[in-house]
Amino acid sequence: MRLDKFLKVSRLIKRRTLAKEIADQGRVWINGHVAKASSDVKVGDELTMQFGQKRVTVKVTDLKETTKKEEATGLYELIREERTTPAPEQDDV
């Protein structure tokens, strides 16, 4: 299944167009490699997404073409959710 479709079906990201934009910006990784929106997602893959100052890592446990809202969290297992600190700003001298 395409990455952008999985993110939308699993409701990790609300809209497929937004999932595509985030992937195209290099803010999504599959198994540690930067992923494009068209990248293939398989059961067992580890997805990491950067949302502002938050990084979320999930493991894909199931793939479905469509799902109900209540069942969407069954498509992945949350591994880690962490806050990232912005890079320290350099002082101009």
PDB file of N, CA and C in Angstrom:
ATOM      1  N   MET A   1       0.853  -1.173   0.000  1.00  0.00           N
ATOM      2  CA  MET A   1       0.000   0.000   0.000  1.00  0.00           C
ATOM      3  C   MET A   1       0.901   1.239   0.000  1.00  0.00           C
ATOM      4  N   ARG A   2       0.467   2.256  -0.695  1.00  0.00           N
ATOM      5  CA  ARG A   2       1.219   3.517  -0.739  1.00  0.00           C
ATOM      6  C   ARG A   2       1.257   4.169   0.642  1.00  0.00           C
ATOM      7  N   LEU A   3       2.365   4.820   0.929  1.00  0.00           N
ATOM      8  CA  LEU A   3       2.550   5.484   2.210  1.00  0.00           C
ATOM      9  C   LEU A   3       1.464   6.521   2.480  1.00  0.00           C
ATOM     10  N   ASP A   4       1.194   7.397   1.506  1.00  0.00           N
ATOM     11  CA  ASP A   4       0.200   8.453   1.745  1.00  0.00           C
ATOM     12  C   ASP A   4      -1.182   7.870   2.028  1.00  0.00           C
ATOM     13  N   LYS A   5      -1.536   6.777   1.359  1.00  0.00           N
ATOM     14  CA  LYS A   5      -2.836   6.153   1.603  1.00  0.00           C
ATOM     15  C   LYS A   5      -2.870   5.510   2.990  1.00  0.00           C
ATOM     16  N   PHE A   6      -1.793   4.836   3.388  1.00  0.00           N
ATOM     17  CA  PHE A   6      -1.764   4.222   4.720  1.00  0.00           C
ATOM     18  C   PHE A   6      -1.923   5.282   5.812  1.00  0.00           C
ATOM     19  N   LEU A   7      -1.208   6.392   5.677  1.00  0.00           N
ATOM     20  CA  LEU A   7      -1.290   7.451   6.691  1.00  0.00           C
ATOM     21  C   LEU A   7      -2.706   7.993   6.814  1.00  0.00           C
ATOM     22  N   LYS A   8      -3.414   8.078   5.701  1.00  0.00           N
ATOM     23  CA  LYS A   8      -4.786   8.570   5.714  1.00  0.00           C
ATOM     24  C   LYS A   8      -5.740   7.518   6.287  1.00  0.00           C
ATOM     25  N   VAL A   9      -5.649   6.264   5.815  1.00  0.00           N
ATOM     26  CA  VAL A   9      -6.546   5.200   6.276  1.00  0.00           C
ATOM     27  C   VAL A   9      -6.359   4.944   7.773  1.00  0.00           C
ATOM     28  N   SER A  10      -5.116   4.996   8.250  1.00  0.00           N
ATOM     29  CA  SER A  10      -4.834   4.761   9.661  1.00  0.00           C
ATOM     30  C   SER A  10      -5.170   5.976  10.523  1.00  0.00           C
ATOM     31  N   ARG A  11      -5.467   7.081   9.865  1.00  0.00           N
ATOM     32  CA  ARG A  11      -5.793   8.343  10.516  1.00  0.00           C
ATOM     33  C   ARG A  11      -4.634   8.925  11.320  1.00  0.00           C
ATOM     34  N   LEU A  12      -3.412   8.543  10.965  1.00  0.00           N
ATOM     35  CA  LEU A  12      -2.243   9.205  11.544  1.00  0.00           C
ATOM     36  C   LEU A  12      -2.170  10.627  11.006  1.00  0.00           C
ATOM     37  N   ILE A  13      -2.626  10.796   9.750  1.00  0.00           N
ATOM     38  CA  ILE A  13      -2.760  12.114   9.122  1.00  0.00           C
ATOM     39  C   ILE A  13      -4.157  12.152   8.508  1.00  0.00           C
ATOM     40  N   LYS A  14      -4.859  13.256   8.681  1.00  0.00           N
ATOM     41  CA  LYS A  14      -6.281  13.302   8.315  1.00  0.00           C
ATOM     42  C   LYS A  14      -6.570  13.251   6.819  1.00  0.00           C
ATOM     43  N   ARG A  15      -5.724  13.883   6.007  1.00  0.00           N
ATOM     44  CA  ARG A  15      -6.001  13.942   4.568  1.00  0.00           C
ATOM     45  C   ARG A  15      -4.831  13.378   3.774  1.00  0.00           C
ATOM     46  N   ARG A  16      -5.140  12.695   2.687  1.00  0.00           N
ATOM     47  CA  ARG A  16      -4.096  12.095   1.860  1.00  0.00           C
ATOM     48  C   ARG A  16      -3.210  13.156   1.222  1.00  0.00           C
ATOM     49  N   THR A  17      -3.772  14.289   0.848  1.00  0.00           N
ATOM     50  CA  THR A  17      -2.954  15.352   0.252  1.00  0.00           C
ATOM     51  C   THR A  17      -1.955  15.892   1.266  1.00  0.00           C
ATOM     52  N   LEU A  18      -2.367  15.992   2.521  1.00  0.00           N
ATOM     53  CA  LEU A  18      -1.460  16.444   3.578  1.00  0.00           C
ATOM     54  C   LEU A  18      -0.372  15.395   3.815  1.00  0.00           C
ATOM     55  N   ALA A  19      -0.743  14.123   3.793  1.00  0.00           N
ATOM     56  CA  ALA A  19       0.242  13.040   3.953  1.00  0.00           C
ATOM     57  C   ALA A  19       1.271  13.103   2.823  1.00  0.00           C
ATOM     58  N   LYS A  20       0.816  13.391   1.616  1.00  0.00           N
ATOM     59  CA  LYS A  20       1.730  13.503   0.472  1.00  0.00           C
ATOM     60  C   LYS A  20       2.685  14.676   0.658  1.00  0.00           C
ATOM     61  N   GLU A  21       2.170  15.816   1.099  1.00  0.00           N
ATOM     62  CA  GLU A  21       3.017  16.993   1.320  1.00  0.00           C
ATOM     63  C   GLU A  21       4.088  16.721   2.376  1.00  0.00           C
ATOM     64  N   ILE A  22       3.701  16.112   3.482  1.00  0.00           N
ATOM     65  CA  ILE A  22       4.651  15.830   4.561  1.00  0.00           C
ATOM     66  C   ILE A  22       5.734  14.873   4.081  1.00  0.00           C
ATOM     67  N   ALA A  23       5.343  13.840   3.339  1.00  0.00           N
ATOM     68  CA  ALA A  23       6.325  12.885   2.808  1.00  0.00           C
ATOM     69  C   ALA A  23       7.255  13.576   1.814  1.00  0.00           C
ATOM     70  N   ASP A  24       6.705  14.413   0.956  1.00  0.00           N
ATOM     71  CA  ASP A  24       7.520  15.112  -0.046  1.00  0.00           C
ATOM     72  C   ASP A  24       8.500  16.097   0.603  1.00  0.00           C
ATOM     73  N   GLN A  25       8.211  16.537   1.822  1.00  0.00           N
ATOM     74  CA  GLN A  25       9.111  17.434   2.549  1.00  0.00           C
ATOM     75  C   GLN A  25      10.209  16.662   3.283  1.00  0.00           C
ATOM     76  N   GLY A  26      10.202  15.329   3.179  1.00  0.00           N
ATOM     77  CA  GLY A  26      11.223  14.514   3.823  1.00  0.00           C
ATOM     78  C   GLY A  26      11.011  14.348   5.313  1.00  0.00           C
ATOM     79  N   ARG A  27       9.758  14.422   5.775  1.00  0.00           N
ATOM     80  CA  ARG A  27       9.458  14.337   7.203  1.00  0.00           C
ATOM     81  C   ARG A  27       8.884  12.981   7.611  1.00  0.00           C
ATOM     82  N   VAL A  28       8.975  11.977   6.701  1.00  0.00           N
ATOM     83  CA  VAL A  28       8.503  10.625   7.002  1.00  0.00           C
ATOM     84  C   VAL A  28       9.604   9.645   6.621  1.00  0.00           C
ATOM     85  N   TRP A  29       9.860   8.684   7.512  1.00  0.00           N
ATOM     86  CA  TRP A  29      10.872   7.658   7.263  1.00  0.00           C
ATOM     87  C   TRP A  29      10.234   6.291   7.406  1.00  0.00           C
ATOM     88  N   ILE A  30      10.638   5.358   6.532  1.00  0.00           N
ATOM     89  CA  ILE A  30      10.243   3.957   6.649  1.00  0.00           C
ATOM     90  C   ILE A  30      11.510   3.176   6.950  1.00  0.00           C
ATOM     91  N   ASN A  31      11.524   2.509   8.088  1.00  0.00           N
ATOM     92  CA  ASN A  31      12.682   1.717   8.522  1.00  0.00           C
ATOM     93  C   ASN A  31      13.983   2.513   8.455  1.00  0.00           C
ATOM     94  N   GLY A  32      13.917   3.794   8.834  1.00  0.00           N
ATOM     95  CA  GLY A  32      15.103   4.633   8.902  1.00  0.00           C
ATOM     96  C   GLY A  32      15.501   5.312   7.611  1.00  0.00           C
ATOM     97  N   HIS A  33      14.756   5.097   6.527  1.00  0.00           N
ATOM     98  CA  HIS A  33      15.070   5.715   5.238  1.00  0.00           C
ATOM     99  C   HIS A  33      13.984   6.723   4.879  1.00  0.00           C
ATOM    100  N   VAL A  34      14.391   7.887   4.378  1.00  0.00           N
ATOM    101  CA  VAL A  34      13.420   8.905   3.965  1.00  0.00           C
ATOM    102  C   VAL A  34      12.497   8.294   2.916  1.00  0.00           C
ATOM    103  N   ALA A  35      11.196   8.524   3.079  1.00  0.00           N
ATOM    104  CA  ALA A  35      10.199   7.908   2.210  1.00  0.00           C
ATOM    105  C   ALA A  35       9.447   8.945   1.401  1.00  0.00           C
ATOM    106  N   LYS A  36       9.091   8.569   0.189  1.00  0.00           N
ATOM    107  CA  LYS A  36       8.227   9.398  -0.660  1.00  0.00           C
ATOM    108  C   LYS A  36       6.788   8.952  -0.450  1.00  0.00           C
ATOM    109  N   ALA A  37       5.843   9.767  -0.893  1.00  0.00           N
ATOM    110  CA  ALA A  37       4.426   9.447  -0.738  1.00  0.00           C
ATOM    111  C   ALA A  37       4.071   8.133  -1.443  1.00  0.00           C
ATOM    112  N   SER A  38       4.786   7.808  -2.510  1.00  0.00           N
ATOM    113  CA  SER A  38       4.485   6.605  -3.275  1.00  0.00           C
ATOM    114  C   SER A  38       5.212   5.367  -2.755  1.00  0.00           C
ATOM    115  N   SER A  39       6.006   5.513  -1.685  1.00  0.00           N
ATOM    116  CA  SER A  39       6.734   4.374  -1.126  1.00  0.00           C
ATOM    117  C   SER A  39       5.767   3.293  -0.667  1.00  0.00           C
ATOM    118  N   ASP A  40       6.210   2.041  -0.781  1.00  0.00           N
ATOM    119  CA  ASP A  40       5.387   0.899  -0.413  1.00  0.00           C
ATOM    120  C   ASP A  40       5.501   0.627   1.090  1.00  0.00           C
ATOM    121  N   VAL A  41       4.357   0.472   1.755  1.00  0.00           N
ATOM    122  CA  VAL A  41       4.322   0.168   3.180  1.00  0.00           C
ATOM    123  C   VAL A  41       3.870  -1.288   3.339  1.00  0.00           C
ATOM    124  N   LYS A  42       4.594  -2.040   4.187  1.00  0.00           N
ATOM    125  CA  LYS A  42       4.261  -3.437   4.435  1.00  0.00           C
ATOM    126  C   LYS A  42       4.083  -3.656   5.934  1.00  0.00           C
ATOM    127  N   VAL A  43       3.383  -4.732   6.290  1.00  0.00           N
ATOM    128  CA  VAL A  43       3.226  -5.092   7.700  1.00  0.00           C
ATOM    129  C   VAL A  43       4.618  -5.343   8.279  1.00  0.00           C
ATOM    130  N   GLY A  44       4.867  -4.779   9.446  1.00  0.00           N
ATOM    131  CA  GLY A  44       6.166  -4.922  10.097  1.00  0.00           C
ATOM    132  C   GLY A  44       7.067  -3.722   9.900  1.00  0.00           C
ATOM    133  N   ASP A  45       6.740  -2.841   8.949  1.00  0.00           N
ATOM    134  CA  ASP A  45       7.547  -1.636   8.722  1.00  0.00           C
ATOM    135  C   ASP A  45       7.419  -0.691   9.915  1.00  0.00           C
ATOM    136  N   GLU A  46       8.495   0.050  10.165  1.00  0.00           N
ATOM    137  CA  GLU A  46       8.502   1.056  11.223  1.00  0.00           C
ATOM    138  C   GLU A  46       8.465   2.429  10.549  1.00  0.00           C
ATOM    139  N   LEU A  47       7.429   3.203  10.843  1.00  0.00           N
ATOM    140  CA  LEU A  47       7.260   4.537  10.264  1.00  0.00           C
ATOM    141  C   LEU A  47       7.574   5.587  11.324  1.00  0.00           C
ATOM    142  N   THR A  48       8.355   6.586  10.942  1.00  0.00           N
ATOM    143  CA  THR A  48       8.635   7.714  11.820  1.00  0.00           C
ATOM    144  C   THR A  48       8.194   8.980  11.113  1.00  0.00           C
ATOM    145  N   MET A  49       7.443   9.818  11.816  1.00  0.00           N
ATOM    146  CA  MET A  49       6.941  11.065  11.240  1.00  0.00           C
ATOM    147  C   MET A  49       7.317  12.224  12.132  1.00  0.00           C
ATOM    148  N   GLN A  50       7.718  13.335  11.516  1.00  0.00           N
ATOM    149  CA  GLN A  50       8.081  14.546  12.238  1.00  0.00           C
ATOM    150  C   GLN A  50       6.961  15.563  12.061  1.00  0.00           C
ATOM    151  N   PHE A  51       6.322  15.933  13.181  1.00  0.00           N
ATOM    152  CA  PHE A  51       5.260  16.945  13.177  1.00  0.00           C
ATOM    153  C   PHE A  51       5.741  18.108  14.016  1.00  0.00           C
ATOM    154  N   GLY A  52       6.279  19.136  13.413  1.00  0.00           N
ATOM    155  CA  GLY A  52       6.771  20.279  14.182  1.00  0.00           C
ATOM    156  C   GLY A  52       7.841  19.835  15.156  1.00  0.00           C
ATOM    157  N   GLN A  53       7.569  19.973  16.459  1.00  0.00           N
ATOM    158  CA  GLN A  53       8.547  19.568  17.478  1.00  0.00           C
ATOM    159  C   GLN A  53       8.186  18.217  18.092  1.00  0.00           C
ATOM    160  N   LYS A  54       7.400  17.421  17.383  1.00  0.00           N
ATOM    161  CA  LYS A  54       7.009  16.104  17.873  1.00  0.00           C
ATOM    162  C   LYS A  54       7.388  15.047  16.839  1.00  0.00           C
ATOM    163  N   ARG A  55       7.979  13.951  17.309  1.00  0.00           N
ATOM    164  CA  ARG A  55       8.345  12.840  16.433  1.00  0.00           C
ATOM    165  C   ARG A  55       7.597  11.604  16.919  1.00  0.00           C
ATOM    166  N   VAL A  56       6.872  10.959  15.997  1.00  0.00           N
ATOM    167  CA  VAL A  56       6.069   9.787  16.323  1.00  0.00           C
ATOM    168  C   VAL A  56       6.595   8.604  15.523  1.00  0.00           C
ATOM    169  N   THR A  57       6.802   7.469  16.219  1.00  0.00           N
ATOM    170  CA  THR A  57       7.247   6.247  15.557  1.00  0.00           C
ATOM    171  C   THR A  57       6.207   5.164  15.819  1.00  0.00           C
ATOM    172  N   VAL A  58       5.760   4.509  14.742  1.00  0.00           N
ATOM    173  CA  VAL A  58       4.766   3.438  14.843  1.00  0.00           C
ATOM    174  C   VAL A  58       5.236   2.226  14.047  1.00  0.00           C
ATOM    175  N   LYS A  59       4.703   1.067  14.403  1.00  0.00           N
ATOM    176  CA  LYS A  59       4.970  -0.157  13.661  1.00  0.00           C
ATOM    177  C   LYS A  59       3.677  -0.569  12.970  1.00  0.00           C
ATOM    178  N   VAL A  60       3.743  -0.848  11.672  1.00  0.00           N
ATOM    179  CA  VAL A  60       2.569  -1.234  10.898  1.00  0.00           C
ATOM    180  C   VAL A  60       2.187  -2.665  11.280  1.00  0.00           C
ATOM    181  N   THR A  61       0.942  -2.869  11.741  1.00  0.00           N
ATOM    182  CA  THR A  61       0.495  -4.200  12.145  1.00  0.00           C
ATOM    183  C   THR A  61      -0.535  -4.798  11.202  1.00  0.00           C
ATOM    184  N   ASP A  62      -1.165  -3.962  10.363  1.00  0.00           N
ATOM    185  CA  ASP A  62      -2.194  -4.450   9.448  1.00  0.00           C
ATOM    186  C   ASP A  62      -2.365  -3.444   8.314  1.00  0.00           C
ATOM    187  N   LEU A  63      -2.817  -3.925   7.170  1.00  0.00           N
ATOM    188  CA  LEU A  63      -3.103  -3.056   6.027  1.00  0.00           C
ATOM    189  C   LEU A  63      -4.532  -3.296   5.579  1.00  0.00           C
ATOM    190  N   LYS A  64      -5.293  -2.233   5.420  1.00  0.00           N
ATOM    191  CA  LYS A  64      -6.666  -2.308   4.917  1.00  0.00           C
ATOM    192  C   LYS A  64      -6.888  -1.141   3.973  1.00  0.00           C
ATOM    193  N   GLU A  65      -7.695  -1.368   2.961  1.00  0.00           N
ATOM    194  CA  GLU A  65      -8.001  -0.311   1.991  1.00  0.00           C
ATOM    195  C   GLU A  65      -8.860   0.783   2.625  1.00  0.00           C
ATOM    196  N   THR A  66      -9.777   0.368   3.476  1.00  0.00           N
ATOM    197  CA  THR A  66     -10.620   1.327   4.203  1.00  0.00           C
ATOM    198  C   THR A  66     -10.826   0.781   5.608  1.00  0.00           C
ATOM    199  N   THR A  67     -11.158   1.668   6.517  1.00  0.00           N
ATOM    200  CA  THR A  67     -11.415   1.243   7.892  1.00  0.00           C
ATOM    201  C   THR A  67     -12.318   2.252   8.581  1.00  0.00           C
ATOM    202  N   LYS A  68     -13.003   1.779   9.603  1.00  0.00           N
ATOM    203  CA  LYS A  68     -13.821   2.683  10.407  1.00  0.00           C
ATOM    204  C   LYS A  68     -12.924   3.426  11.374  1.00  0.00           C
ATOM    205  N   LYS A  69     -13.383   4.570  11.811  1.00  0.00           N
ATOM    206  CA  LYS A  69     -12.594   5.410  12.709  1.00  0.00           C
ATOM    207  C   LYS A  69     -12.154   4.640  13.963  1.00  0.00           C
ATOM    208  N   GLU A  70     -13.054   3.848  14.529  1.00  0.00           N
ATOM    209  CA  GLU A  70     -12.756   3.118  15.761  1.00  0.00           C
ATOM    210  C   GLU A  70     -11.689   2.037  15.536  1.00  0.00           C
ATOM    211  N   GLU A  71     -11.575   1.526  14.310  1.00  0.00           N
ATOM    212  CA  GLU A  71     -10.644   0.436  14.006  1.00  0.00           C
ATOM    213  C   GLU A  71      -9.298   0.927  13.472  1.00  0.00           C
ATOM    214  N   ALA A  72      -9.167   2.222  13.223  1.00  0.00           N
ATOM    215  CA  ALA A  72      -7.968   2.765  12.580  1.00  0.00           C
ATOM    216  C   ALA A  72      -6.709   2.535  13.408  1.00  0.00           C
ATOM    217  N   THR A  73      -6.802   2.646  14.728  1.00  0.00           N
ATOM    218  CA  THR A  73      -5.612   2.465  15.562  1.00  0.00           C
ATOM    219  C   THR A  73      -5.142   1.009  15.575  1.00  0.00           C
ATOM    220  N   GLY A  74      -5.961   0.092  15.086  1.00  0.00           N
ATOM    221  CA  GLY A  74      -5.568  -1.311  14.998  1.00  0.00           C
ATOM    222  C   GLY A  74      -4.610  -1.579  13.849  1.00  0.00           C
ATOM    223  N   LEU A  75      -4.376  -0.579  13.003  1.00  0.00           N
ATOM    224  CA  LEU A  75      -3.470  -0.756  11.860  1.00  0.00           C
ATOM    225  C   LEU A  75      -2.015  -0.523  12.234  1.00  0.00           C
ATOM    226  N   TYR A  76      -1.790   0.033  13.419  1.00  0.00           N
ATOM    227  CA  TYR A  76      -0.413   0.317  13.834  1.00  0.00           C
ATOM    228  C   TYR A  76      -0.286   0.207  15.350  1.00  0.00           C
ATOM    229  N   GLU A  77       0.955   0.079  15.789  1.00  0.00           N
ATOM    230  CA  GLU A  77       1.274   0.030  17.207  1.00  0.00           C
ATOM    231  C   GLU A  77       2.218   1.190  17.500  1.00  0.00           C
ATOM    232  N   LEU A  78       1.870   2.028  18.462  1.00  0.00           N
ATOM    233  CA  LEU A  78       2.705   3.169  18.822  1.00  0.00           C
ATOM    234  C   LEU A  78       3.959   2.671  19.525  1.00  0.00           C
ATOM    235  N   ILE A  79       5.114   3.009  18.978  1.00  0.00           N
ATOM    236  CA  ILE A  79       6.386   2.604  19.571  1.00  0.00           C
ATOM    237  C   ILE A  79       6.941   3.726  20.428  1.00  0.00           C
ATOM    238  N   ARG A  80       6.930   4.929  19.881  1.00  0.00           N
ATOM    239  CA  ARG A  80       7.562   6.045  20.590  1.00  0.00           C
ATOM    240  C   ARG A  80       6.923   7.360  20.133  1.00  0.00           C
ATOM    241  N   GLU A  81       6.748   8.254  21.090  1.00  0.00           N
ATOM    242  CA  GLU A  81       6.280   9.616  20.794  1.00  0.00           C
ATOM    243  C   GLU A  81       7.147  10.541  21.632  1.00  0.00           C
ATOM    244  N   GLU A  82       7.901  11.392  20.972  1.00  0.00           N
ATOM    245  CA  GLU A  82       8.844  12.230  21.708  1.00  0.00           C
ATOM    246  C   GLU A  82       8.846  13.653  21.191  1.00  0.00           C
ATOM    247  N   ARG A  83       9.165  14.551  22.092  1.00  0.00           N
ATOM    248  CA  ARG A  83       9.338  15.951  21.718  1.00  0.00           C
ATOM    249  C   ARG A  83      10.768  16.135  21.262  1.00  0.00           C
ATOM    250  N   THR A  84      10.928  16.856  20.184  1.00  0.00           N
ATOM    251  CA  THR A  84      12.263  17.181  19.715  1.00  0.00           C
ATOM    252  C   THR A  84      12.509  18.647  19.983  1.00  0.00           C
ATOM    253  N   THR A  85      13.717  18.986  20.309  1.00  0.00           N
ATOM    254  CA  THR A  85      14.039  20.388  20.587  1.00  0.00           C
ATOM    255  C   THR A  85      14.533  21.031  19.310  1.00  0.00           C
ATOM    256  N   PRO A  86      14.144  22.260  19.064  1.00  0.00           N
ATOM    257  CA  PRO A  86      14.630  22.947  17.871  1.00  0.00           C
ATOM    258  C   PRO A  86      16.127  23.153  17.973  1.00  0.00           C
ATOM    259  N   ALA A  87      16.780  23.230  16.826  1.00  0.00           N
ATOM    260  CA  ALA A  87      18.235  23.462  16.809  1.00  0.00           C
ATOM    261  C   ALA A  87      18.542  24.786  17.468  1.00  0.00           C
ATOM    262  N   PRO A  88      19.578  24.823  18.314  1.00  0.00           N
ATOM    263  CA  PRO A  88      19.920  26.099  18.967  1.00  0.00           C
ATOM    264  C   PRO A  88      20.338  27.134  17.932  1.00  0.00           C
ATOM    265  N   GLU A  89      19.879  28.345  18.160  1.00  0.00           N
ATOM    266  CA  GLU A  89      20.219  29.409  17.216  1.00  0.00           C
ATOM    267  C   GLU A  89      21.630  29.891  17.446  1.00  0.00           C
ATOM    268  N   GLN A  90      22.312  30.185  16.376  1.00  0.00           N
ATOM    269  CA  GLN A  90      23.679  30.670  16.442  1.00  0.00           C
ATOM    270  C   GLN A  90      23.668  32.166  16.700  1.00  0.00           C
ATOM    271  N   ASP A  91      24.515  32.626  17.581  1.00  0.00           N
ATOM    272  CA  ASP A  91      24.623  34.058  17.840  1.00  0.00           C
ATOM    273  C   ASP A  91      25.487  34.698  16.762  1.00  0.00           C
ATOM    274  N   ASP A  92      25.015  35.764  16.187  1.00  0.00           N
ATOM    275  CA  ASP A  92      25.819  36.479  15.195  1.00  0.00           C
ATOM    276  C   ASP A  92      26.831  37.341  15.936  1.00  0.00           C
ATOM    277  N   VAL A  93      28.082  37.215  15.559  1.00  0.00           N
ATOM    278  CA  VAL A  93      29.147  37.978  16.229  1.00  0.00           C
ATOM    279  C   VAL A  93      29.688  39.024  15.314  1.00  0.00           C
TER     280      VAL A  93
END
